Amino acid sequence: MERDENAQLVFVYGTLKQGHPNHHYFEDVNIGRATFIGTATTVDPWPLVVTTRFSLPYLVDHKGLGYPIRGELYEIDDRMMEFCDDFEDHPQIYERTKTQVKLDQLSMNVKESILSEKYLPGTVIDCWCYMLRKISPKILNLPFYEEYQGTEVDIMYDPAREQECDYFTYTLIDLGIMDETELNR
C-alpha cells in the first residue's frame, strides 16, 4: 500500500461503513479509491439521529450535543470524493465539513504497510465528514446514538426503496426542510 499525497480523509458513520448496504461503493475501483485506515471516534460530541422514511443516519451539525460518534476513517482519492459529494447530496442535504477524529484501531492492511508510519492509534486527525446543517428543530428531539448499527428503528434501511419515489424530495420533506405543499408547485 503506497502513500497518495493527494488523498483526502473522510470519516463515515452510516451506510457506507463496512457491513452496511452502501459500503460496496468504497470497494468499486471504477468509482475511485478508498483505503480503510481504521476505526475512529469523533473528538467532539454530535447528535447522530436515524430518521426519514428511509431510516437513514444523519450527523447533525450541533457540536457539543449528543455523543462522540464511532465510525470508520478512509483515505480517498479525488474521484471517490466527487462520488461521496454526489452520493451524500452535498450541499443540498448533507454538507461536507471538517472535523476531528481520534484513530482508535488501524486496519490490518494499514498495519502492514508504509501507511502505519503516517497513522498511529490515539492520534487526532482532521478529516471530512458529511453533516446535516439545514434541519427542522424537531430533529433534535429524536434519540441520539453513539454509533449507527442499522437496527435503531423498526424499518431497516433498504437502498432499493429509494427507487420507489423521488428520494431527494421526500428526504427534504421528512427532515422538515421542505413542506409537502411545495410538491404540487
N, C-alpha and C. Protein backbone atom coordinates (compact mmCIF):
# COMPACT_ATOMS: atom_id res chain seq x y z
N MET A 1 0.85 -1.17 0.00
CA MET A 1 0.00 0.00 0.00
C MET A 1 0.90 1.24 0.00
N GLU A 2 0.68 2.10 -0.98
CA GLU A 2 1.52 3.28 -1.13
C GLU A 2 0.84 4.52 -0.59
N ARG A 3 1.67 5.52 -0.29
CA ARG A 3 1.13 6.82 0.11
C ARG A 3 0.63 7.56 -1.11
N ASP A 4 -0.49 8.21 -0.96
CA ASP A 4 -1.04 9.07 -2.00
C ASP A 4 -1.07 10.46 -1.42
N GLU A 5 -0.16 11.31 -1.86
CA GLU A 5 -0.03 12.66 -1.29
C GLU A 5 -1.26 13.52 -1.53
N ASN A 6 -2.07 13.18 -2.55
CA ASN A 6 -3.27 13.95 -2.84
C ASN A 6 -4.52 13.39 -2.16
N ALA A 7 -4.37 12.29 -1.44
CA ALA A 7 -5.53 11.65 -0.81
C ALA A 7 -6.12 12.55 0.27
N GLN A 8 -7.41 12.41 0.44
CA GLN A 8 -8.12 13.14 1.48
C GLN A 8 -8.70 12.12 2.44
N LEU A 9 -8.95 12.55 3.66
CA LEU A 9 -9.51 11.66 4.66
C LEU A 9 -10.98 11.96 4.85
N VAL A 10 -11.78 10.91 4.95
CA VAL A 10 -13.21 11.07 5.19
C VAL A 10 -13.63 10.09 6.29
N PHE A 11 -14.44 10.59 7.22
CA PHE A 11 -14.99 9.80 8.31
C PHE A 11 -16.41 9.44 7.94
N VAL A 12 -16.72 8.14 7.93
CA VAL A 12 -18.08 7.69 7.64
C VAL A 12 -18.67 7.02 8.88
N TYR A 13 -19.96 7.21 9.08
CA TYR A 13 -20.61 6.74 10.30
C TYR A 13 -21.91 6.00 10.02
N GLY A 14 -22.28 5.85 8.74
CA GLY A 14 -23.59 5.27 8.42
C GLY A 14 -23.53 4.14 7.43
N THR A 15 -24.32 4.27 6.36
CA THR A 15 -24.49 3.15 5.42
C THR A 15 -23.27 2.88 4.55
N LEU A 16 -22.25 3.73 4.61
CA LEU A 16 -21.01 3.47 3.86
C LEU A 16 -20.00 2.64 4.67
N LYS A 17 -20.28 2.41 5.95
CA LYS A 17 -19.37 1.61 6.78
C LYS A 17 -19.37 0.15 6.31
N GLN A 18 -18.31 -0.56 6.66
CA GLN A 18 -18.23 -1.98 6.35
C GLN A 18 -19.43 -2.70 6.97
N GLY A 19 -19.98 -3.64 6.20
CA GLY A 19 -21.11 -4.42 6.68
C GLY A 19 -22.46 -3.76 6.48
N HIS A 20 -22.47 -2.58 5.89
CA HIS A 20 -23.72 -1.86 5.66
C HIS A 20 -24.02 -1.78 4.16
N PRO A 21 -25.27 -1.49 3.78
CA PRO A 21 -25.72 -1.65 2.40
C PRO A 21 -24.99 -0.85 1.33
N ASN A 22 -24.38 0.28 1.66
CA ASN A 22 -23.72 1.08 0.63
C ASN A 22 -22.20 1.00 0.64
N HIS A 23 -21.65 0.12 1.47
CA HIS A 23 -20.19 0.01 1.54
C HIS A 23 -19.58 -0.44 0.21
N HIS A 24 -20.34 -1.17 -0.59
CA HIS A 24 -19.80 -1.68 -1.86
C HIS A 24 -19.27 -0.57 -2.75
N TYR A 25 -19.77 0.65 -2.59
CA TYR A 25 -19.25 1.76 -3.39
C TYR A 25 -17.78 2.03 -3.08
N PHE A 26 -17.38 1.86 -1.83
CA PHE A 26 -15.98 2.08 -1.46
C PHE A 26 -15.07 0.96 -1.98
N GLU A 27 -15.65 -0.13 -2.40
CA GLU A 27 -14.87 -1.25 -2.94
C GLU A 27 -14.80 -1.23 -4.47
N ASP A 28 -15.52 -0.33 -5.10
CA ASP A 28 -15.61 -0.26 -6.55
C ASP A 28 -14.51 0.66 -7.10
N VAL A 29 -13.45 0.08 -7.64
CA VAL A 29 -12.32 0.86 -8.15
C VAL A 29 -12.69 1.68 -9.37
N ASN A 30 -13.82 1.36 -10.02
CA ASN A 30 -14.28 2.16 -11.16
C ASN A 30 -14.81 3.51 -10.70
N ILE A 31 -15.21 3.60 -9.44
CA ILE A 31 -15.69 4.87 -8.88
C ILE A 31 -14.50 5.69 -8.39
N GLY A 32 -13.55 5.04 -7.76
CA GLY A 32 -12.39 5.71 -7.20
C GLY A 32 -11.73 4.81 -6.17
N ARG A 33 -10.76 5.36 -5.46
CA ARG A 33 -10.02 4.57 -4.47
C ARG A 33 -10.41 5.00 -3.07
N ALA A 34 -10.68 4.00 -2.23
CA ALA A 34 -10.96 4.23 -0.81
C ALA A 34 -10.18 3.20 -0.02
N THR A 35 -9.26 3.66 0.82
CA THR A 35 -8.47 2.77 1.65
C THR A 35 -8.95 2.89 3.09
N PHE A 36 -9.38 1.78 3.66
CA PHE A 36 -9.84 1.75 5.04
C PHE A 36 -8.63 1.91 5.95
N ILE A 37 -8.59 3.02 6.68
CA ILE A 37 -7.49 3.29 7.60
C ILE A 37 -7.73 2.60 8.93
N GLY A 38 -8.94 2.72 9.44
CA GLY A 38 -9.27 2.07 10.70
C GLY A 38 -10.51 2.67 11.33
N THR A 39 -10.81 2.21 12.52
CA THR A 39 -11.95 2.75 13.24
C THR A 39 -11.53 4.03 13.95
N ALA A 40 -12.50 4.93 14.11
CA ALA A 40 -12.20 6.23 14.71
C ALA A 40 -13.45 6.73 15.44
N THR A 41 -13.24 7.70 16.31
CA THR A 41 -14.32 8.31 17.08
C THR A 41 -14.14 9.82 17.01
N THR A 42 -15.24 10.54 16.81
CA THR A 42 -15.14 11.99 16.76
C THR A 42 -14.63 12.52 18.10
N VAL A 43 -13.81 13.54 18.07
CA VAL A 43 -13.29 14.15 19.28
C VAL A 43 -14.44 14.83 20.03
N ASP A 44 -15.28 15.52 19.30
CA ASP A 44 -16.40 16.25 19.91
C ASP A 44 -17.67 15.41 19.84
N PRO A 45 -18.60 15.65 20.76
CA PRO A 45 -19.91 15.00 20.66
C PRO A 45 -20.76 15.69 19.60
N TRP A 46 -21.57 14.89 18.93
CA TRP A 46 -22.51 15.35 17.91
C TRP A 46 -23.79 14.54 18.05
N PRO A 47 -24.94 15.11 17.65
CA PRO A 47 -26.16 14.31 17.65
C PRO A 47 -26.24 13.46 16.37
N LEU A 48 -26.26 12.16 16.54
CA LEU A 48 -26.47 11.22 15.43
C LEU A 48 -27.90 10.69 15.58
N VAL A 49 -28.73 10.95 14.57
CA VAL A 49 -30.13 10.52 14.60
C VAL A 49 -30.40 9.60 13.41
N VAL A 50 -31.43 8.79 13.54
CA VAL A 50 -31.87 7.93 12.45
C VAL A 50 -33.31 8.31 12.17
N THR A 51 -33.57 8.76 10.94
CA THR A 51 -34.90 9.27 10.63
C THR A 51 -35.19 9.19 9.14
N THR A 52 -36.28 9.71 8.72
CA THR A 52 -36.90 9.75 7.40
C THR A 52 -37.52 8.39 7.09
N ARG A 53 -38.33 8.38 6.06
CA ARG A 53 -39.00 7.13 5.66
C ARG A 53 -37.99 6.10 5.16
N PHE A 54 -36.73 6.50 5.00
CA PHE A 54 -35.69 5.59 4.54
C PHE A 54 -34.81 5.07 5.68
N SER A 55 -35.08 5.48 6.92
CA SER A 55 -34.31 5.05 8.10
C SER A 55 -32.82 5.31 7.92
N LEU A 56 -32.49 6.55 7.58
CA LEU A 56 -31.10 6.92 7.33
C LEU A 56 -30.48 7.63 8.54
N PRO A 57 -29.17 7.44 8.71
CA PRO A 57 -28.47 8.14 9.79
C PRO A 57 -28.07 9.54 9.34
N TYR A 58 -28.19 10.48 10.26
CA TYR A 58 -27.79 11.86 10.00
C TYR A 58 -26.96 12.35 11.18
N LEU A 59 -25.80 12.86 10.90
CA LEU A 59 -24.98 13.52 11.91
C LEU A 59 -25.33 15.00 11.81
N VAL A 60 -25.96 15.51 12.87
CA VAL A 60 -26.47 16.88 12.86
C VAL A 60 -25.38 17.83 13.35
N ASP A 61 -25.21 18.92 12.63
CA ASP A 61 -24.16 19.89 12.95
C ASP A 61 -24.56 20.75 14.15
N HIS A 62 -24.55 20.13 15.31
CA HIS A 62 -24.77 20.81 16.59
C HIS A 62 -23.70 20.29 17.56
N LYS A 63 -22.49 20.80 17.38
CA LYS A 63 -21.34 20.37 18.17
C LYS A 63 -21.61 20.53 19.66
N GLY A 64 -21.25 19.50 20.42
CA GLY A 64 -21.42 19.54 21.87
C GLY A 64 -22.68 18.85 22.35
N LEU A 65 -23.61 18.57 21.44
CA LEU A 65 -24.84 17.88 21.77
C LEU A 65 -24.69 16.42 21.34
N GLY A 66 -25.16 15.49 22.12
CA GLY A 66 -25.07 14.09 21.72
C GLY A 66 -23.85 13.41 22.30
N TYR A 67 -23.20 12.58 21.47
CA TYR A 67 -22.09 11.74 21.90
C TYR A 67 -20.92 11.83 20.92
N PRO A 68 -19.70 11.48 21.36
CA PRO A 68 -18.65 11.23 20.37
C PRO A 68 -19.13 10.06 19.49
N ILE A 69 -18.97 10.18 18.20
CA ILE A 69 -19.53 9.21 17.25
C ILE A 69 -18.46 8.24 16.77
N ARG A 70 -18.80 6.94 16.83
CA ARG A 70 -17.89 5.90 16.34
C ARG A 70 -18.18 5.61 14.88
N GLY A 71 -17.10 5.49 14.10
CA GLY A 71 -17.24 5.21 12.67
C GLY A 71 -15.94 4.71 12.10
N GLU A 72 -15.74 4.96 10.81
CA GLU A 72 -14.57 4.47 10.09
C GLU A 72 -13.90 5.61 9.34
N LEU A 73 -12.58 5.55 9.28
CA LEU A 73 -11.78 6.56 8.58
C LEU A 73 -11.22 5.95 7.30
N TYR A 74 -11.38 6.69 6.20
CA TYR A 74 -10.89 6.25 4.89
C TYR A 74 -10.02 7.32 4.27
N GLU A 75 -9.01 6.87 3.55
CA GLU A 75 -8.21 7.73 2.71
C GLU A 75 -8.77 7.55 1.30
N ILE A 76 -9.23 8.64 0.67
CA ILE A 76 -9.88 8.51 -0.64
C ILE A 76 -9.24 9.45 -1.65
N ASP A 77 -9.36 9.07 -2.92
CA ASP A 77 -8.83 9.93 -3.98
C ASP A 77 -9.89 10.93 -4.42
N ASP A 78 -9.52 11.81 -5.33
CA ASP A 78 -10.42 12.88 -5.77
C ASP A 78 -11.69 12.34 -6.43
N ARG A 79 -11.57 11.25 -7.19
CA ARG A 79 -12.75 10.68 -7.85
C ARG A 79 -13.73 10.14 -6.80
N MET A 80 -13.23 9.49 -5.75
CA MET A 80 -14.12 8.98 -4.71
C MET A 80 -14.73 10.14 -3.91
N MET A 81 -13.98 11.21 -3.72
CA MET A 81 -14.54 12.38 -3.02
C MET A 81 -15.67 12.98 -3.84
N GLU A 82 -15.48 13.05 -5.15
CA GLU A 82 -16.54 13.55 -6.02
C GLU A 82 -17.78 12.65 -5.93
N PHE A 83 -17.55 11.34 -5.91
CA PHE A 83 -18.66 10.41 -5.75
C PHE A 83 -19.36 10.64 -4.41
N CYS A 84 -18.59 10.77 -3.32
CA CYS A 84 -19.18 10.97 -1.99
C CYS A 84 -20.02 12.24 -1.95
N ASP A 85 -19.52 13.32 -2.54
CA ASP A 85 -20.28 14.57 -2.57
C ASP A 85 -21.63 14.35 -3.26
N ASP A 86 -21.61 13.63 -4.36
CA ASP A 86 -22.85 13.36 -5.09
C ASP A 86 -23.75 12.41 -4.29
N PHE A 87 -23.18 11.35 -3.77
CA PHE A 87 -23.93 10.35 -3.01
C PHE A 87 -24.61 10.96 -1.79
N GLU A 88 -23.92 11.87 -1.13
CA GLU A 88 -24.44 12.49 0.09
C GLU A 88 -25.27 13.76 -0.21
N ASP A 89 -25.53 14.02 -1.49
CA ASP A 89 -26.30 15.20 -1.90
C ASP A 89 -25.72 16.48 -1.30
N HIS A 90 -24.39 16.57 -1.35
CA HIS A 90 -23.67 17.76 -0.87
C HIS A 90 -23.80 18.86 -1.91
N PRO A 91 -24.20 20.03 -1.60
CA PRO A 91 -24.52 20.59 -0.28
C PRO A 91 -26.03 20.70 -0.01
N GLN A 92 -26.87 20.05 -0.82
CA GLN A 92 -28.31 20.21 -0.65
C GLN A 92 -28.83 19.57 0.64
N ILE A 93 -28.38 18.37 0.98
CA ILE A 93 -28.84 17.71 2.21
C ILE A 93 -27.70 17.68 3.22
N TYR A 94 -26.69 16.90 2.96
CA TYR A 94 -25.51 16.89 3.83
C TYR A 94 -24.55 17.98 3.35
N GLU A 95 -23.72 18.45 4.27
CA GLU A 95 -22.63 19.35 3.89
C GLU A 95 -21.33 18.72 4.34
N ARG A 96 -20.37 18.71 3.42
CA ARG A 96 -19.05 18.18 3.76
C ARG A 96 -18.36 19.20 4.67
N THR A 97 -17.98 18.74 5.85
CA THR A 97 -17.48 19.61 6.91
C THR A 97 -16.20 19.02 7.49
N LYS A 98 -15.25 19.87 7.85
CA LYS A 98 -14.04 19.40 8.53
C LYS A 98 -14.37 19.11 9.99
N THR A 99 -13.86 18.01 10.49
CA THR A 99 -14.00 17.66 11.89
C THR A 99 -12.75 16.92 12.33
N GLN A 100 -12.68 16.59 13.59
CA GLN A 100 -11.53 15.85 14.11
C GLN A 100 -12.00 14.52 14.68
N VAL A 101 -11.22 13.49 14.39
CA VAL A 101 -11.47 12.16 14.95
C VAL A 101 -10.21 11.65 15.60
N LYS A 102 -10.40 10.77 16.56
CA LYS A 102 -9.27 10.07 17.18
C LYS A 102 -9.24 8.67 16.58
N LEU A 103 -8.12 8.31 16.02
CA LEU A 103 -7.96 6.99 15.42
C LEU A 103 -7.91 5.95 16.53
N ASP A 104 -8.86 5.01 16.50
CA ASP A 104 -8.95 4.01 17.55
C ASP A 104 -8.09 2.79 17.24
N GLN A 105 -8.29 2.22 16.06
CA GLN A 105 -7.59 0.99 15.70
C GLN A 105 -7.30 0.99 14.21
N LEU A 106 -6.08 0.61 13.84
CA LEU A 106 -5.70 0.54 12.42
C LEU A 106 -6.24 -0.73 11.79
N SER A 107 -6.59 -0.64 10.51
CA SER A 107 -6.98 -1.84 9.77
C SER A 107 -5.73 -2.71 9.59
N MET A 108 -5.92 -3.99 9.38
CA MET A 108 -4.80 -4.92 9.21
C MET A 108 -3.95 -4.52 8.00
N ASN A 109 -4.59 -4.08 6.90
CA ASN A 109 -3.84 -3.68 5.70
C ASN A 109 -2.95 -2.49 5.97
N VAL A 110 -3.42 -1.54 6.77
CA VAL A 110 -2.62 -0.35 7.08
C VAL A 110 -1.49 -0.72 8.03
N LYS A 111 -1.76 -1.58 9.02
CA LYS A 111 -0.73 -2.01 9.97
C LYS A 111 0.48 -2.60 9.26
N GLU A 112 0.22 -3.29 8.14
CA GLU A 112 1.28 -4.00 7.42
C GLU A 112 1.82 -3.20 6.24
N SER A 113 1.58 -1.89 6.23
CA SER A 113 2.03 -1.08 5.09
C SER A 113 2.79 0.15 5.57
N ILE A 114 3.28 0.90 4.59
CA ILE A 114 4.00 2.13 4.88
C ILE A 114 3.08 3.17 5.54
N LEU A 115 1.77 3.02 5.35
CA LEU A 115 0.82 3.95 5.95
C LEU A 115 0.83 3.88 7.48
N SER A 116 1.32 2.78 8.04
CA SER A 116 1.35 2.66 9.50
C SER A 116 2.27 3.71 10.13
N GLU A 117 3.21 4.24 9.35
CA GLU A 117 4.08 5.31 9.86
C GLU A 117 3.32 6.64 9.94
N LYS A 118 2.32 6.78 9.09
CA LYS A 118 1.56 8.01 8.99
C LYS A 118 0.40 8.06 9.99
N TYR A 119 -0.18 6.92 10.27
CA TYR A 119 -1.36 6.83 11.13
C TYR A 119 -1.05 6.00 12.37
N LEU A 120 -1.21 6.61 13.53
CA LEU A 120 -0.96 5.91 14.79
C LEU A 120 -2.22 5.93 15.63
N PRO A 121 -2.61 4.79 16.21
CA PRO A 121 -3.77 4.78 17.10
C PRO A 121 -3.62 5.83 18.20
N GLY A 122 -4.72 6.51 18.50
CA GLY A 122 -4.71 7.56 19.51
C GLY A 122 -4.46 8.94 18.94
N THR A 123 -4.02 9.00 17.67
CA THR A 123 -3.75 10.27 17.02
C THR A 123 -5.06 10.98 16.68
N VAL A 124 -5.09 12.30 16.89
CA VAL A 124 -6.23 13.10 16.47
C VAL A 124 -5.96 13.58 15.05
N ILE A 125 -6.95 13.37 14.19
CA ILE A 125 -6.79 13.61 12.75
C ILE A 125 -7.91 14.52 12.24
N ASP A 126 -7.54 15.49 11.42
CA ASP A 126 -8.52 16.33 10.72
C ASP A 126 -9.02 15.56 9.51
N CYS A 127 -10.31 15.55 9.30
CA CYS A 127 -10.87 14.83 8.16
C CYS A 127 -12.20 15.45 7.75
N TRP A 128 -12.70 15.00 6.63
CA TRP A 128 -14.02 15.42 6.16
C TRP A 128 -15.07 14.50 6.76
N CYS A 129 -16.26 15.06 6.93
CA CYS A 129 -17.40 14.31 7.43
C CYS A 129 -18.65 14.97 6.85
N TYR A 130 -19.66 14.19 6.55
CA TYR A 130 -20.89 14.74 5.99
C TYR A 130 -21.90 14.95 7.12
N MET A 131 -22.32 16.22 7.29
CA MET A 131 -23.24 16.58 8.37
C MET A 131 -24.47 17.26 7.82
N LEU A 132 -25.53 17.14 8.58
CA LEU A 132 -26.80 17.78 8.26
C LEU A 132 -26.83 19.13 8.96
N ARG A 133 -26.91 20.21 8.18
CA ARG A 133 -26.94 21.56 8.77
C ARG A 133 -28.33 22.17 8.73
N LYS A 134 -29.05 21.95 7.64
CA LYS A 134 -30.39 22.52 7.49
C LYS A 134 -31.37 21.55 8.11
N ILE A 135 -31.91 21.90 9.27
CA ILE A 135 -32.80 20.97 9.95
C ILE A 135 -34.04 21.66 10.48
N SER A 136 -35.01 20.84 10.72
CA SER A 136 -36.18 21.26 11.48
C SER A 136 -35.80 21.02 12.96
N PRO A 137 -36.17 21.92 13.86
CA PRO A 137 -35.82 21.73 15.28
C PRO A 137 -36.31 20.40 15.85
N LYS A 138 -37.37 19.81 15.27
CA LYS A 138 -37.89 18.54 15.78
C LYS A 138 -36.87 17.40 15.64
N ILE A 139 -35.92 17.55 14.72
CA ILE A 139 -34.87 16.53 14.55
C ILE A 139 -34.10 16.34 15.85
N LEU A 140 -33.90 17.43 16.59
CA LEU A 140 -33.12 17.34 17.83
C LEU A 140 -33.91 16.72 18.98
N ASN A 141 -35.18 16.40 18.74
CA ASN A 141 -35.98 15.69 19.75
C ASN A 141 -35.91 14.18 19.58
N LEU A 142 -35.27 13.72 18.50
CA LEU A 142 -35.13 12.29 18.26
C LEU A 142 -34.03 11.71 19.16
N PRO A 143 -34.04 10.39 19.37
CA PRO A 143 -32.95 9.77 20.16
C PRO A 143 -31.61 9.97 19.46
N PHE A 144 -30.56 10.17 20.25
CA PHE A 144 -29.19 10.29 19.74
C PHE A 144 -28.48 8.94 19.94
N TYR A 145 -27.59 8.61 19.01
CA TYR A 145 -26.83 7.36 19.06
C TYR A 145 -25.35 7.65 19.03
N GLU A 146 -24.57 6.72 19.56
CA GLU A 146 -23.10 6.82 19.52
C GLU A 146 -22.54 6.19 18.25
N GLU A 147 -23.30 5.25 17.71
CA GLU A 147 -22.84 4.53 16.52
C GLU A 147 -24.07 4.02 15.76
N TYR A 148 -24.02 4.15 14.45
CA TYR A 148 -25.10 3.64 13.61
C TYR A 148 -24.89 2.15 13.39
N GLN A 149 -25.92 1.37 13.77
CA GLN A 149 -25.87 -0.07 13.57
C GLN A 149 -26.78 -0.53 12.43
N GLY A 150 -27.77 0.31 12.09
CA GLY A 150 -28.74 -0.08 11.08
C GLY A 150 -29.96 -0.77 11.67
N THR A 151 -29.99 -0.89 12.99
CA THR A 151 -31.11 -1.57 13.66
C THR A 151 -31.80 -0.65 14.66
N GLU A 152 -31.58 0.65 14.56
CA GLU A 152 -32.12 1.59 15.54
C GLU A 152 -33.62 1.78 15.45
N VAL A 153 -34.19 1.58 14.28
CA VAL A 153 -35.63 1.80 14.10
C VAL A 153 -36.26 0.55 13.50
N ASP A 154 -37.57 0.50 13.52
CA ASP A 154 -38.29 -0.69 13.06
C ASP A 154 -38.08 -0.97 11.57
N ILE A 155 -38.01 0.08 10.76
CA ILE A 155 -37.85 -0.10 9.32
C ILE A 155 -36.36 -0.01 8.98
N MET A 156 -35.79 -1.10 8.53
CA MET A 156 -34.38 -1.13 8.18
C MET A 156 -34.15 -0.35 6.88
N TYR A 157 -32.99 0.28 6.75
CA TYR A 157 -32.63 0.98 5.52
C TYR A 157 -32.49 -0.03 4.39
N ASP A 158 -33.10 0.27 3.26
CA ASP A 158 -33.02 -0.57 2.08
C ASP A 158 -32.82 0.35 0.88
N PRO A 159 -31.63 0.32 0.26
CA PRO A 159 -31.37 1.22 -0.87
C PRO A 159 -32.40 1.10 -2.00
N ALA A 160 -33.00 -0.07 -2.17
CA ALA A 160 -33.98 -0.27 -3.24
C ALA A 160 -35.21 0.61 -3.04
N ARG A 161 -35.54 0.94 -1.79
CA ARG A 161 -36.70 1.78 -1.51
C ARG A 161 -36.52 3.19 -2.07
N GLU A 162 -35.27 3.62 -2.25
CA GLU A 162 -35.03 4.95 -2.79
C GLU A 162 -35.53 5.06 -4.23
N GLN A 163 -35.64 3.93 -4.91
CA GLN A 163 -36.09 3.94 -6.30
C GLN A 163 -37.61 4.07 -6.40
N GLU A 164 -38.31 3.85 -5.30
CA GLU A 164 -39.77 3.87 -5.31
C GLU A 164 -40.36 5.27 -5.47
N CYS A 165 -39.62 6.29 -5.15
CA CYS A 165 -40.16 7.65 -5.21
C CYS A 165 -39.01 8.63 -5.42
N ASP A 166 -39.35 9.88 -5.40
CA ASP A 166 -38.34 10.93 -5.52
C ASP A 166 -37.61 11.03 -4.18
N TYR A 167 -36.55 10.25 -4.04
CA TYR A 167 -35.81 10.15 -2.78
C TYR A 167 -35.41 11.52 -2.24
N PHE A 168 -34.85 12.35 -3.11
CA PHE A 168 -34.36 13.66 -2.68
C PHE A 168 -35.49 14.51 -2.11
N THR A 169 -36.59 14.61 -2.82
CA THR A 169 -37.72 15.43 -2.38
C THR A 169 -38.29 14.93 -1.06
N TYR A 170 -38.53 13.62 -0.96
CA TYR A 170 -39.13 13.09 0.26
C TYR A 170 -38.18 13.19 1.45
N THR A 171 -36.90 13.12 1.21
CA THR A 171 -35.94 13.32 2.30
C THR A 171 -36.03 14.75 2.81
N LEU A 172 -36.11 15.72 1.90
CA LEU A 172 -36.25 17.12 2.32
C LEU A 172 -37.53 17.33 3.12
N ILE A 173 -38.60 16.69 2.71
CA ILE A 173 -39.87 16.80 3.44
C ILE A 173 -39.74 16.15 4.81
N ASP A 174 -39.20 14.95 4.87
CA ASP A 174 -39.07 14.22 6.14
C ASP A 174 -38.18 14.95 7.13
N LEU A 175 -37.19 15.68 6.63
CA LEU A 175 -36.29 16.42 7.52
C LEU A 175 -36.85 17.78 7.91
N GLY A 176 -38.00 18.13 7.33
CA GLY A 176 -38.62 19.41 7.66
C GLY A 176 -38.00 20.59 6.92
N ILE A 177 -37.18 20.31 5.90
CA ILE A 177 -36.53 21.36 5.12
C ILE A 177 -37.50 21.89 4.06
N MET A 178 -38.39 21.01 3.61
CA MET A 178 -39.35 21.37 2.58
C MET A 178 -40.74 20.95 3.06
N ASP A 179 -41.76 21.68 2.67
CA ASP A 179 -43.13 21.37 3.08
C ASP A 179 -43.79 20.56 1.96
N GLU A 180 -44.65 19.59 2.32
CA GLU A 180 -45.31 18.76 1.32
C GLU A 180 -46.17 19.57 0.36
N THR A 181 -46.64 20.72 0.80
CA THR A 181 -47.45 21.56 -0.09
C THR A 181 -46.65 22.06 -1.28
N GLU A 182 -45.33 22.04 -1.17
CA GLU A 182 -44.46 22.50 -2.27
C GLU A 182 -44.36 21.47 -3.39
N LEU A 183 -44.86 20.25 -3.15
CA LEU A 183 -44.78 19.19 -4.16
C LEU A 183 -45.57 19.52 -5.42
N ASN A 184 -46.69 20.16 -5.26
CA ASN A 184 -47.58 20.42 -6.40
C ASN A 184 -47.30 21.72 -7.12
N ARG A 185 -46.25 22.39 -6.75
CA ARG A 185 -45.92 23.69 -7.40
C ARG A 185 -45.18 23.48 -8.68
